[in-house]
Amino acid sequence: MERKFLKTHEWYCEKCNKIGISDYAQHELGDIVYVELPSVGDPVEAGKAFGNVESVKGVSEVFSPVSGTVAEVNTDLESQPELINQAPYDAWMIKVTPSAPAEGLLSEEEYQKLIAK
C-alpha cells in the first residue's frame, strides 16, 4: 500500500482512500486508550481535525490529508483502540470519498527524513 503523509503524522492511501496515524505517531503517543472518530457522511477538510486519539500521555487531534466526505469508519477501534499501537498501517481510522485530489503530502521517503530529525 503506497502511503503519503502529513507533517502532523497522519497517513493517507490514495488508492484505498483510507486515513490513519503513522507508526511514529503511535509510538510517540504511547498506549492508545480511546479514539473519537466522525460519522459516515460527515465532511472532512484537508488540514483540519476530524477526530481525537487519547493515549496515556494525553489527547491529540487527528488531521485529514484530504477534503471530502467520510465513507466508512473503522468501528473496530471503538472497542479496540490498541489496534493502532499494534499495526498503525492496518488500523485505518476513516475511509473518505475525496472531493479533490490530495495536495502537499509527503512521500514515504520525505516523511522518513522528517521524523529522522
PDB file of N, CA and C in Angstrom:
ATOM      1  N   MET A   1       0.856  -1.174   0.000  1.00  0.00           N
ATOM      2  CA  MET A   1       0.000   0.000   0.000  1.00  0.00           C
ATOM      3  C   MET A   1       0.901   1.236   0.000  1.00  0.00           C
ATOM      4  N   GLU A   2       0.727   2.086  -0.982  1.00  0.00           N
ATOM      5  CA  GLU A   2       1.501   3.316  -1.042  1.00  0.00           C
ATOM      6  C   GLU A   2       0.811   4.385  -0.212  1.00  0.00           C
ATOM      7  N   ARG A   3       1.566   4.959   0.702  1.00  0.00           N
ATOM      8  CA  ARG A   3       1.017   5.979   1.593  1.00  0.00           C
ATOM      9  C   ARG A   3       1.724   7.312   1.381  1.00  0.00           C
ATOM     10  N   LYS A   4       0.970   8.378   1.610  1.00  0.00           N
ATOM     11  CA  LYS A   4       1.509   9.736   1.663  1.00  0.00           C
ATOM     12  C   LYS A   4       1.259  10.222   3.087  1.00  0.00           C
ATOM     13  N   PHE A   5       2.007  11.220   3.506  1.00  0.00           N
ATOM     14  CA  PHE A   5       1.949  11.652   4.905  1.00  0.00           C
ATOM     15  C   PHE A   5       1.776  13.154   5.050  1.00  0.00           C
ATOM     16  N   LEU A   6       1.133  13.528   6.148  1.00  0.00           N
ATOM     17  CA  LEU A   6       1.107  14.918   6.583  1.00  0.00           C
ATOM     18  C   LEU A   6       2.269  15.111   7.556  1.00  0.00           C
ATOM     19  N   LYS A   7       2.730  16.338   7.710  1.00  0.00           N
ATOM     20  CA  LYS A   7       3.788  16.619   8.686  1.00  0.00           C
ATOM     21  C   LYS A   7       3.296  16.377  10.107  1.00  0.00           C
ATOM     22  N   THR A   8       1.976  16.306  10.295  1.00  0.00           N
ATOM     23  CA  THR A   8       1.393  16.052  11.612  1.00  0.00           C
ATOM     24  C   THR A   8       1.236  14.553  11.879  1.00  0.00           C
ATOM     25  N   HIS A   9       1.817  13.705  11.019  1.00  0.00           N
ATOM     26  CA  HIS A   9       1.956  12.259  11.230  1.00  0.00           C
ATOM     27  C   HIS A   9       0.725  11.411  10.897  1.00  0.00           C
ATOM     28  N   GLU A  10      -0.174  11.933  10.060  1.00  0.00           N
ATOM     29  CA  GLU A  10      -1.266  11.111   9.542  1.00  0.00           C
ATOM     30  C   GLU A  10      -0.821  10.548   8.197  1.00  0.00           C
ATOM     31  N   TRP A  11      -1.322   9.363   7.873  1.00  0.00           N
ATOM     32  CA  TRP A  11      -1.041   8.780   6.565  1.00  0.00           C
ATOM     33  C   TRP A  11      -2.332   8.707   5.750  1.00  0.00           C
ATOM     34  N   TYR A  12      -2.157   8.686   4.431  1.00  0.00           N
ATOM     35  CA  TYR A  12      -3.280   8.620   3.509  1.00  0.00           C
ATOM     36  C   TYR A  12      -2.918   7.689   2.360  1.00  0.00           C
ATOM     37  N   CYS A  13      -3.782   6.748   2.096  1.00  0.00           N
ATOM     38  CA  CYS A  13      -3.615   5.852   0.953  1.00  0.00           C
ATOM     39  C   CYS A  13      -4.558   6.345  -0.140  1.00  0.00           C
ATOM     40  N   GLU A  14      -3.984   6.912  -1.205  1.00  0.00           N
ATOM     41  CA  GLU A  14      -4.822   7.454  -2.285  1.00  0.00           C
ATOM     42  C   GLU A  14      -5.589   6.354  -3.019  1.00  0.00           C
ATOM     43  N   LYS A  15      -4.991   5.181  -3.109  1.00  0.00           N
ATOM     44  CA  LYS A  15      -5.629   4.073  -3.825  1.00  0.00           C
ATOM     45  C   LYS A  15      -6.890   3.577  -3.102  1.00  0.00           C
ATOM     46  N   CYS A  16      -6.827   3.494  -1.762  1.00  0.00           N
ATOM     47  CA  CYS A  16      -7.963   2.971  -0.998  1.00  0.00           C
ATOM     48  C   CYS A  16      -8.709   4.065  -0.220  1.00  0.00           C
ATOM     49  N   ASN A  17      -8.191   5.304  -0.270  1.00  0.00           N
ATOM     50  CA  ASN A  17      -8.823   6.465   0.396  1.00  0.00           C
ATOM     51  C   ASN A  17      -8.966   6.306   1.903  1.00  0.00           C
ATOM     52  N   LYS A  18      -8.025   5.595   2.519  1.00  0.00           N
ATOM     53  CA  LYS A  18      -8.049   5.412   3.971  1.00  0.00           C
ATOM     54  C   LYS A  18      -7.047   6.342   4.636  1.00  0.00           C
ATOM     55  N   ILE A  19      -7.377   6.734   5.882  1.00  0.00           N
ATOM     56  CA  ILE A  19      -6.551   7.647   6.667  1.00  0.00           C
ATOM     57  C   ILE A  19      -6.286   7.014   8.033  1.00  0.00           C
ATOM     58  N   GLY A  20      -5.064   7.175   8.528  1.00  0.00           N
ATOM     59  CA  GLY A  20      -4.707   6.702   9.858  1.00  0.00           C
ATOM     60  C   GLY A  20      -3.545   7.516  10.385  1.00  0.00           C
ATOM     61  N   ILE A  21      -2.970   7.077  11.496  1.00  0.00           N
ATOM     62  CA  ILE A  21      -1.782   7.758  12.023  1.00  0.00           C
ATOM     63  C   ILE A  21      -0.565   6.856  11.833  1.00  0.00           C
ATOM     64  N   SER A  22       0.573   7.483  11.704  1.00  0.00           N
ATOM     65  CA  SER A  22       1.809   6.758  11.400  1.00  0.00           C
ATOM     66  C   SER A  22       2.333   5.951  12.588  1.00  0.00           C
ATOM     67  N   ASP A  23       3.252   5.062  12.274  1.00  0.00           N
ATOM     68  CA  ASP A  23       3.908   4.274  13.318  1.00  0.00           C
ATOM     69  C   ASP A  23       4.653   5.210  14.272  1.00  0.00           C
ATOM     70  N   TYR A  24       5.270   6.232  13.731  1.00  0.00           N
ATOM     71  CA  TYR A  24       5.976   7.205  14.563  1.00  0.00           C
ATOM     72  C   TYR A  24       5.004   7.866  15.539  1.00  0.00           C
ATOM     73  N   ALA A  25       3.841   8.273  15.041  1.00  0.00           N
ATOM     74  CA  ALA A  25       2.846   8.944  15.885  1.00  0.00           C
ATOM     75  C   ALA A  25       2.362   8.036  17.008  1.00  0.00           C
ATOM     76  N   GLN A  26       2.015   6.793  16.685  1.00  0.00           N
ATOM     77  CA  GLN A  26       1.515   5.893  17.730  1.00  0.00           C
ATOM     78  C   GLN A  26       2.599   5.627  18.764  1.00  0.00           C
ATOM     79  N   HIS A  27       3.838   5.562  18.324  1.00  0.00           N
ATOM     80  CA  HIS A  27       4.952   5.329  19.253  1.00  0.00           C
ATOM     81  C   HIS A  27       5.115   6.519  20.195  1.00  0.00           C
ATOM     82  N   GLU A  28       5.034   7.731  19.639  1.00  0.00           N
ATOM     83  CA  GLU A  28       5.161   8.941  20.452  1.00  0.00           C
ATOM     84  C   GLU A  28       3.995   9.093  21.429  1.00  0.00           C
ATOM     85  N   LEU A  29       2.786   8.689  21.010  1.00  0.00           N
ATOM     86  CA  LEU A  29       1.602   8.815  21.856  1.00  0.00           C
ATOM     87  C   LEU A  29       1.616   7.832  23.025  1.00  0.00           C
ATOM     88  N   GLY A  30       2.192   6.670  22.811  1.00  0.00           N
ATOM     89  CA  GLY A  30       2.136   5.628  23.835  1.00  0.00           C
ATOM     90  C   GLY A  30       0.851   4.824  23.689  1.00  0.00           C
ATOM     91  N   ASP A  31       0.453   4.141  24.741  1.00  0.00           N
ATOM     92  CA  ASP A  31      -0.720   3.264  24.677  1.00  0.00           C
ATOM     93  C   ASP A  31      -1.994   4.058  24.396  1.00  0.00           C
ATOM     94  N   ILE A  32      -2.624   3.741  23.278  1.00  0.00           N
ATOM     95  CA  ILE A  32      -3.864   4.423  22.892  1.00  0.00           C
ATOM     96  C   ILE A  32      -5.031   3.747  23.588  1.00  0.00           C
ATOM     97  N   VAL A  33      -5.843   4.560  24.274  1.00  0.00           N
ATOM     98  CA  VAL A  33      -6.937   4.021  25.089  1.00  0.00           C
ATOM     99  C   VAL A  33      -8.324   4.391  24.568  1.00  0.00           C
ATOM    100  N   TYR A  34      -8.392   5.389  23.668  1.00  0.00           N
ATOM    101  CA  TYR A  34      -9.696   5.809  23.152  1.00  0.00           C
ATOM    102  C   TYR A  34      -9.502   6.549  21.839  1.00  0.00           C
ATOM    103  N   VAL A  35     -10.424   6.333  20.906  1.00  0.00           N
ATOM    104  CA  VAL A  35     -10.391   7.017  19.613  1.00  0.00           C
ATOM    105  C   VAL A  35     -11.767   7.628  19.364  1.00  0.00           C
ATOM    106  N   GLU A  36     -11.796   8.904  19.047  1.00  0.00           N
ATOM    107  CA  GLU A  36     -13.037   9.596  18.704  1.00  0.00           C
ATOM    108  C   GLU A  36     -13.006   9.905  17.209  1.00  0.00           C
ATOM    109  N   LEU A  37     -13.959   9.326  16.472  1.00  0.00           N
ATOM    110  CA  LEU A  37     -13.984   9.476  15.024  1.00  0.00           C
ATOM    111  C   LEU A  37     -15.302  10.090  14.564  1.00  0.00           C
ATOM    112  N   PRO A  38     -15.314  10.671  13.362  1.00  0.00           N
ATOM    113  CA  PRO A  38     -16.555  11.240  12.845  1.00  0.00           C
ATOM    114  C   PRO A  38     -17.522  10.130  12.417  1.00  0.00           C
ATOM    115  N   SER A  39     -18.692  10.537  11.969  1.00  0.00           N
ATOM    116  CA  SER A  39     -19.691   9.581  11.486  1.00  0.00           C
ATOM    117  C   SER A  39     -19.669   9.526   9.963  1.00  0.00           C
ATOM    118  N   VAL A  40     -20.153   8.428   9.419  1.00  0.00           N
ATOM    119  CA  VAL A  40     -20.288   8.303   7.970  1.00  0.00           C
ATOM    120  C   VAL A  40     -21.166   9.453   7.479  1.00  0.00           C
ATOM    121  N   GLY A  41     -20.724  10.091   6.412  1.00  0.00           N
ATOM    122  CA  GLY A  41     -21.465  11.225   5.858  1.00  0.00           C
ATOM    123  C   GLY A  41     -20.948  12.573   6.312  1.00  0.00           C
ATOM    124  N   ASP A  42     -20.147  12.596   7.375  1.00  0.00           N
ATOM    125  CA  ASP A  42     -19.579  13.853   7.859  1.00  0.00           C
ATOM    126  C   ASP A  42     -18.545  14.382   6.866  1.00  0.00           C
ATOM    127  N   PRO A  43     -18.463  15.707   6.713  1.00  0.00           N
ATOM    128  CA  PRO A  43     -17.422  16.278   5.844  1.00  0.00           C
ATOM    129  C   PRO A  43     -16.079  16.315   6.570  1.00  0.00           C
ATOM    130  N   VAL A  44     -14.998  16.175   5.811  1.00  0.00           N
ATOM    131  CA  VAL A  44     -13.643  16.378   6.333  1.00  0.00           C
ATOM    132  C   VAL A  44     -12.953  17.383   5.410  1.00  0.00           C
ATOM    133  N   GLU A  45     -12.063  18.168   5.992  1.00  0.00           N
ATOM    134  CA  GLU A  45     -11.365  19.186   5.222  1.00  0.00           C
ATOM    135  C   GLU A  45      -9.866  19.001   5.388  1.00  0.00           C
ATOM    136  N   ALA A  46      -9.152  19.064   4.280  1.00  0.00           N
ATOM    137  CA  ALA A  46      -7.699  18.898   4.311  1.00  0.00           C
ATOM    138  C   ALA A  46      -7.074  19.874   5.305  1.00  0.00           C
ATOM    139  N   GLY A  47      -6.231  19.339   6.190  1.00  0.00           N
ATOM    140  CA  GLY A  47      -5.535  20.154   7.170  1.00  0.00           C
ATOM    141  C   GLY A  47      -6.322  20.451   8.433  1.00  0.00           C
ATOM    142  N   LYS A  48      -7.575  20.001   8.483  1.00  0.00           N
ATOM    143  CA  LYS A  48      -8.427  20.244   9.656  1.00  0.00           C
ATOM    144  C   LYS A  48      -8.616  18.937  10.440  1.00  0.00           C
ATOM    145  N   ALA A  49      -8.822  19.068  11.745  1.00  0.00           N
ATOM    146  CA  ALA A  49      -9.007  17.897  12.605  1.00  0.00           C
ATOM    147  C   ALA A  49     -10.339  17.217  12.302  1.00  0.00           C
ATOM    148  N   PHE A  50     -10.326  15.882  12.289  1.00  0.00           N
ATOM    149  CA  PHE A  50     -11.572  15.126  12.128  1.00  0.00           C
ATOM    150  C   PHE A  50     -11.859  14.227  13.317  1.00  0.00           C
ATOM    151  N   GLY A  51     -10.908  14.103  14.226  1.00  0.00           N
ATOM    152  CA  GLY A  51     -11.105  13.232  15.382  1.00  0.00           C
ATOM    153  C   GLY A  51      -9.991  13.415  16.391  1.00  0.00           C
ATOM    154  N   ASN A  52     -10.044  12.582  17.439  1.00  0.00           N
ATOM    155  CA  ASN A  52      -9.053  12.627  18.505  1.00  0.00           C
ATOM    156  C   ASN A  52      -8.579  11.225  18.851  1.00  0.00           C
ATOM    157  N   VAL A  53      -7.345  11.155  19.284  1.00  0.00           N
ATOM    158  CA  VAL A  53      -6.770   9.920  19.793  1.00  0.00           C
ATOM    159  C   VAL A  53      -6.335  10.205  21.226  1.00  0.00           C
ATOM    160  N   GLU A  54      -6.838   9.413  22.151  1.00  0.00           N
ATOM    161  CA  GLU A  54      -6.477   9.593  23.556  1.00  0.00           C
ATOM    162  C   GLU A  54      -5.524   8.477  23.951  1.00  0.00           C
ATOM    163  N   SER A  55      -4.404   8.880  24.529  1.00  0.00           N
ATOM    164  CA  SER A  55      -3.419   7.902  24.986  1.00  0.00           C
ATOM    165  C   SER A  55      -3.141   8.148  26.460  1.00  0.00           C
ATOM    166  N   VAL A  56      -2.271   7.337  27.021  1.00  0.00           N
ATOM    167  CA  VAL A  56      -1.901   7.517  28.419  1.00  0.00           C
ATOM    168  C   VAL A  56      -1.189   8.855  28.632  1.00  0.00           C
ATOM    169  N   LYS A  57      -0.670   9.463  27.549  1.00  0.00           N
ATOM    170  CA  LYS A  57       0.048  10.729  27.650  1.00  0.00           C
ATOM    171  C   LYS A  57      -0.846  11.944  27.438  1.00  0.00           C
ATOM    172  N   GLY A  58      -2.045  11.760  26.869  1.00  0.00           N
ATOM    173  CA  GLY A  58      -2.919  12.902  26.609  1.00  0.00           C
ATOM    174  C   GLY A  58      -3.790  12.681  25.388  1.00  0.00           C
ATOM    175  N   VAL A  59      -4.424  13.758  24.928  1.00  0.00           N
ATOM    176  CA  VAL A  59      -5.316  13.699  23.778  1.00  0.00           C
ATOM    177  C   VAL A  59      -4.675  14.460  22.618  1.00  0.00           C
ATOM    178  N   SER A  60      -4.705  13.863  21.435  1.00  0.00           N
ATOM    179  CA  SER A  60      -4.161  14.502  20.242  1.00  0.00           C
ATOM    180  C   SER A  60      -5.199  14.524  19.143  1.00  0.00           C
ATOM    181  N   GLU A  61      -5.260  15.635  18.423  1.00  0.00           N
ATOM    182  CA  GLU A  61      -6.164  15.728  17.286  1.00  0.00           C
ATOM    183  C   GLU A  61      -5.581  14.947  16.111  1.00  0.00           C
ATOM    184  N   VAL A  62      -6.484  14.466  15.251  1.00  0.00           N
ATOM    185  CA  VAL A  62      -6.085  13.769  14.035  1.00  0.00           C
ATOM    186  C   VAL A  62      -6.578  14.613  12.862  1.00  0.00           C
ATOM    187  N   PHE A  63      -5.665  14.930  11.941  1.00  0.00           N
ATOM    188  CA  PHE A  63      -5.973  15.832  10.837  1.00  0.00           C
ATOM    189  C   PHE A  63      -6.161  15.064   9.529  1.00  0.00           C
ATOM    190  N   SER A  64      -7.023  15.596   8.678  1.00  0.00           N
ATOM    191  CA  SER A  64      -7.295  14.956   7.402  1.00  0.00           C
ATOM    192  C   SER A  64      -6.309  15.423   6.337  1.00  0.00           C
ATOM    193  N   PRO A  65      -5.740  14.494   5.591  1.00  0.00           N
ATOM    194  CA  PRO A  65      -4.850  14.857   4.492  1.00  0.00           C
ATOM    195  C   PRO A  65      -5.606  15.306   3.236  1.00  0.00           C
ATOM    196  N   VAL A  66      -6.927  15.103   3.223  1.00  0.00           N
ATOM    197  CA  VAL A  66      -7.710  15.351   2.015  1.00  0.00           C
ATOM    198  C   VAL A  66      -9.106  15.854   2.401  1.00  0.00           C
ATOM    199  N   SER A  67      -9.713  16.629   1.509  1.00  0.00           N
ATOM    200  CA  SER A  67     -11.090  17.080   1.728  1.00  0.00           C
ATOM    201  C   SER A  67     -12.056  16.083   1.098  1.00  0.00           C
ATOM    202  N   GLY A  68     -13.232  15.939   1.715  1.00  0.00           N
ATOM    203  CA  GLY A  68     -14.230  15.031   1.178  1.00  0.00           C
ATOM    204  C   GLY A  68     -15.271  14.679   2.217  1.00  0.00           C
ATOM    205  N   THR A  69     -15.820  13.485   2.076  1.00  0.00           N
ATOM    206  CA  THR A  69     -16.878  13.009   2.958  1.00  0.00           C
ATOM    207  C   THR A  69     -16.478  11.656   3.526  1.00  0.00           C
ATOM    208  N   VAL A  70     -16.786  11.428   4.793  1.00  0.00           N
ATOM    209  CA  VAL A  70     -16.483  10.141   5.425  1.00  0.00           C
ATOM    210  C   VAL A  70     -17.377   9.061   4.802  1.00  0.00           C
ATOM    211  N   ALA A  71     -16.754   8.055   4.202  1.00  0.00           N
ATOM    212  CA  ALA A  71     -17.489   6.970   3.557  1.00  0.00           C
ATOM    213  C   ALA A  71     -17.625   5.760   4.477  1.00  0.00           C
ATOM    214  N   GLU A  72     -16.628   5.601   5.366  1.00  0.00           N
ATOM    215  CA  GLU A  72     -16.615   4.441   6.263  1.00  0.00           C
ATOM    216  C   GLU A  72     -15.770   4.779   7.486  1.00  0.00           C
ATOM    217  N   VAL A  73     -16.137   4.199   8.610  1.00  0.00           N
ATOM    218  CA  VAL A  73     -15.392   4.388   9.858  1.00  0.00           C
ATOM    219  C   VAL A  73     -14.956   3.018  10.352  1.00  0.00           C
ATOM    220  N   ASN A  74     -13.725   2.914  10.823  1.00  0.00           N
ATOM    221  CA  ASN A  74     -13.224   1.649  11.355  1.00  0.00           C
ATOM    222  C   ASN A  74     -13.792   1.460  12.767  1.00  0.00           C
ATOM    223  N   THR A  75     -14.951   0.815  12.849  1.00  0.00           N
ATOM    224  CA  THR A  75     -15.647   0.648  14.129  1.00  0.00           C
ATOM    225  C   THR A  75     -14.907  -0.300  15.079  1.00  0.00           C
ATOM    226  N   ASP A  76     -13.961  -1.094  14.571  1.00  0.00           N
ATOM    227  CA  ASP A  76     -13.164  -1.958  15.451  1.00  0.00           C
ATOM    228  C   ASP A  76     -12.391  -1.137  16.482  1.00  0.00           C
ATOM    229  N   LEU A  77     -12.057   0.103  16.117  1.00  0.00           N
ATOM    230  CA  LEU A  77     -11.262   0.946  17.019  1.00  0.00           C
ATOM    231  C   LEU A  77     -12.056   1.422  18.227  1.00  0.00           C
ATOM    232  N   GLU A  78     -13.387   1.384  18.140  1.00  0.00           N
ATOM    233  CA  GLU A  78     -14.216   1.791  19.281  1.00  0.00           C
ATOM    234  C   GLU A  78     -13.964   0.883  20.486  1.00  0.00           C
ATOM    235  N   SER A  79     -13.887  -0.410  20.233  1.00  0.00           N
ATOM    236  CA  SER A  79     -13.678  -1.358  21.326  1.00  0.00           C
ATOM    237  C   SER A  79     -12.220  -1.812  21.456  1.00  0.00           C
ATOM    238  N   GLN A  80     -11.418  -1.569  20.415  1.00  0.00           N
ATOM    239  CA  GLN A  80     -10.016  -1.997  20.433  1.00  0.00           C
ATOM    240  C   GLN A  80      -9.089  -0.894  19.906  1.00  0.00           C
ATOM    241  N   PRO A  81      -9.021   0.248  20.600  1.00  0.00           N
ATOM    242  CA  PRO A  81      -8.159   1.334  20.107  1.00  0.00           C
ATOM    243  C   PRO A  81      -6.683   0.938  20.058  1.00  0.00           C
ATOM    244  N   GLU A  82      -6.318  -0.076  20.840  1.00  0.00           N
ATOM    245  CA  GLU A  82      -4.914  -0.524  20.872  1.00  0.00           C
ATOM    246  C   GLU A  82      -4.470  -1.127  19.539  1.00  0.00           C
ATOM    247  N   LEU A  83      -5.405  -1.408  18.634  1.00  0.00           N
ATOM    248  CA  LEU A  83      -5.043  -1.906  17.303  1.00  0.00           C
ATOM    249  C   LEU A  83      -4.121  -0.919  16.588  1.00  0.00           C
ATOM    250  N   ILE A  84      -4.285   0.371  16.888  1.00  0.00           N
ATOM    251  CA  ILE A  84      -3.421   1.380  16.282  1.00  0.00           C
ATOM    252  C   ILE A  84      -1.982   1.190  16.745  1.00  0.00           C
ATOM    253  N   ASN A  85      -1.781   0.871  18.023  1.00  0.00           N
ATOM    254  CA  ASN A  85      -0.425   0.613  18.527  1.00  0.00           C
ATOM    255  C   ASN A  85       0.153  -0.658  17.910  1.00  0.00           C
ATOM    256  N   GLN A  86      -0.693  -1.655  17.723  1.00  0.00           N
ATOM    257  CA  GLN A  86      -0.221  -2.954  17.239  1.00  0.00           C
ATOM    258  C   GLN A  86       0.130  -2.932  15.753  1.00  0.00           C
ATOM    259  N   ALA A  87      -0.665  -2.226  14.941  1.00  0.00           N
ATOM    260  CA  ALA A  87      -0.443  -2.201  13.494  1.00  0.00           C
ATOM    261  C   ALA A  87      -1.023  -0.907  12.906  1.00  0.00           C
ATOM    262  N   PRO A  88      -0.311   0.214  13.054  1.00  0.00           N
ATOM    263  CA  PRO A  88      -0.866   1.509  12.658  1.00  0.00           C
ATOM    264  C   PRO A  88      -1.220   1.641  11.179  1.00  0.00           C
ATOM    265  N   TYR A  89      -0.580   0.851  10.328  1.00  0.00           N
ATOM    266  CA  TYR A  89      -0.879   0.963   8.899  1.00  0.00           C
ATOM    267  C   TYR A  89      -2.008   0.027   8.465  1.00  0.00           C
ATOM    268  N   ASP A  90      -2.406  -0.867   9.341  1.00  0.00           N
ATOM    269  CA  ASP A  90      -3.581  -1.706   9.090  1.00  0.00           C
ATOM    270  C   ASP A  90      -4.802  -1.118   9.798  1.00  0.00           C
ATOM    271  N   ALA A  91      -4.576  -0.456  10.910  1.00  0.00           N
ATOM    272  CA  ALA A  91      -5.669   0.084  11.728  1.00  0.00           C
ATOM    273  C   ALA A  91      -6.045   1.490  11.238  1.00  0.00           C
ATOM    274  N   TRP A  92      -6.547   1.539  10.025  1.00  0.00           N
ATOM    275  CA  TRP A  92      -7.014   2.819   9.470  1.00  0.00           C
ATOM    276  C   TRP A  92      -8.173   3.345  10.312  1.00  0.00           C
ATOM    277  N   MET A  93      -8.384   4.642  10.248  1.00  0.00           N
ATOM    278  CA  MET A  93      -9.431   5.270  11.063  1.00  0.00           C
ATOM    279  C   MET A  93     -10.699   5.533  10.250  1.00  0.00           C
ATOM    280  N   ILE A  94     -10.519   6.239   9.138  1.00  0.00           N
ATOM    281  CA  ILE A  94     -11.678   6.513   8.286  1.00  0.00           C
ATOM    282  C   ILE A  94     -11.319   6.294   6.825  1.00  0.00           C
ATOM    283  N   LYS A  95     -12.343   6.038   6.046  1.00  0.00           N
ATOM    284  CA  LYS A  95     -12.224   5.967   4.595  1.00  0.00           C
ATOM    285  C   LYS A  95     -13.041   7.141   4.071  1.00  0.00           C
ATOM    286  N   VAL A  96     -12.482   7.883   3.118  1.00  0.00           N
ATOM    287  CA  VAL A  96     -13.155   9.071   2.614  1.00  0.00           C
ATOM    288  C   VAL A  96     -13.482   8.958   1.133  1.00  0.00           C
ATOM    289  N   THR A  97     -14.493   9.714   0.727  1.00  0.00           N
ATOM    290  CA  THR A  97     -14.754   9.949  -0.682  1.00  0.00           C
ATOM    291  C   THR A  97     -14.224  11.355  -0.936  1.00  0.00           C
ATOM    292  N   PRO A  98     -13.040  11.460  -1.587  1.00  0.00           N
ATOM    293  CA  PRO A  98     -12.418  12.770  -1.749  1.00  0.00           C
ATOM    294  C   PRO A  98     -13.224  13.676  -2.684  1.00  0.00           C
ATOM    295  N   SER A  99     -13.219  14.975  -2.377  1.00  0.00           N
ATOM    296  CA  SER A  99     -13.875  15.947  -3.244  1.00  0.00           C
ATOM    297  C   SER A  99     -12.860  16.632  -4.157  1.00  0.00           C
ATOM    298  N   ALA A 100     -11.575  16.441  -3.861  1.00  0.00           N
ATOM    299  CA  ALA A 100     -10.484  16.982  -4.671  1.00  0.00           C
ATOM    300  C   ALA A 100      -9.243  16.143  -4.387  1.00  0.00           C
ATOM    301  N   PRO A 101      -8.286  16.125  -5.304  1.00  0.00           N
ATOM    302  CA  PRO A 101      -7.063  15.367  -5.054  1.00  0.00           C
ATOM    303  C   PRO A 101      -6.297  15.917  -3.845  1.00  0.00           C
ATOM    304  N   ALA A 102      -5.641  15.044  -3.136  1.00  0.00           N
ATOM    305  CA  ALA A 102      -4.810  15.464  -2.005  1.00  0.00           C
ATOM    306  C   ALA A 102      -3.606  16.239  -2.538  1.00  0.00           C
ATOM    307  N   GLU A 103      -3.239  17.303  -1.828  1.00  0.00           N
ATOM    308  CA  GLU A 103      -2.111  18.127  -2.258  1.00  0.00           C
ATOM    309  C   GLU A 103      -1.142  18.354  -1.104  1.00  0.00           C
ATOM    310  N   GLY A 104       0.129  18.507  -1.454  1.00  0.00           N
ATOM    311  CA  GLY A 104       1.130  18.882  -0.475  1.00  0.00           C
ATOM    312  C   GLY A 104       1.511  17.807   0.522  1.00  0.00           C
ATOM    313  N   LEU A 105       1.236  16.543   0.190  1.00  0.00           N
ATOM    314  CA  LEU A 105       1.584  15.463   1.113  1.00  0.00           C
ATOM    315  C   LEU A 105       3.017  15.008   0.878  1.00  0.00           C
ATOM    316  N   LEU A 106       3.601  14.434   1.904  1.00  0.00           N
ATOM    317  CA  LEU A 106       4.974  13.936   1.834  1.00  0.00           C
ATOM    318  C   LEU A 106       4.990  12.500   1.339  1.00  0.00           C
ATOM    319  N   SER A 107       5.985  12.167   0.541  1.00  0.00           N
ATOM    320  CA  SER A 107       6.193  10.772   0.150  1.00  0.00           C
ATOM    321  C   SER A 107       6.729  10.021   1.365  1.00  0.00           C
ATOM    322  N   GLU A 108       6.768   8.708   1.289  1.00  0.00           N
ATOM    323  CA  GLU A 108       7.315   7.886   2.380  1.00  0.00           C
ATOM    324  C   GLU A 108       8.758   8.316   2.675  1.00  0.00           C
ATOM    325  N   GLU A 109       9.539   8.530   1.634  1.00  0.00           N
ATOM    326  CA  GLU A 109      10.938   8.924   1.796  1.00  0.00           C
ATOM    327  C   GLU A 109      11.057  10.293   2.470  1.00  0.00           C
ATOM    328  N   GLU A 110      10.244  11.257   2.028  1.00  0.00           N
ATOM    329  CA  GLU A 110      10.270  12.600   2.628  1.00  0.00           C
ATOM    330  C   GLU A 110       9.845  12.541   4.094  1.00  0.00           C
ATOM    331  N   TYR A 111       8.851  11.709   4.386  1.00  0.00           N
ATOM    332  CA  TYR A 111       8.369  11.583   5.772  1.00  0.00           C
ATOM    333  C   TYR A 111       9.453  10.961   6.654  1.00  0.00           C
ATOM    334  N   GLN A 112      10.141   9.951   6.164  1.00  0.00           N
ATOM    335  CA  GLN A 112      11.209   9.315   6.949  1.00  0.00           C
ATOM    336  C   GLN A 112      12.315  10.322   7.272  1.00  0.00           C
ATOM    337  N   LYS A 113      12.608  11.202   6.324  1.00  0.00           N
ATOM    338  CA  LYS A 113      13.617  12.244   6.578  1.00  0.00           C
ATOM    339  C   LYS A 113      13.116  13.208   7.653  1.00  0.00           C
ATOM    340  N   LEU A 114      11.836  13.557   7.604  1.00  0.00           N
ATOM    341  CA  LEU A 114      11.245  14.470   8.590  1.00  0.00           C
ATOM    342  C   LEU A 114      11.361  13.907  10.004  1.00  0.00           C
ATOM    343  N   ILE A 115      10.985  12.639  10.190  1.00  0.00           N
ATOM    344  CA  ILE A 115      10.980  12.069  11.546  1.00  0.00           C
ATOM    345  C   ILE A 115      12.373  11.683  12.022  1.00  0.00           C
ATOM    346  N   ALA A 116      13.347  11.626  11.103  1.00  0.00           N
ATOM    347  CA  ALA A 116      14.714  11.293  11.486  1.00  0.00           C
ATOM    348  C   ALA A 116      15.416  12.483  12.148  1.00  0.00           C
ATOM    349  N   LYS A 117      14.842  13.686  11.976  1.00  0.00           N
ATOM    350  CA  LYS A 117      15.483  14.907  12.504  1.00  0.00           C
ATOM    351  C   LYS A 117      15.406  14.955  14.022  1.00  0.00           C
TER     352      LYS A 117
END
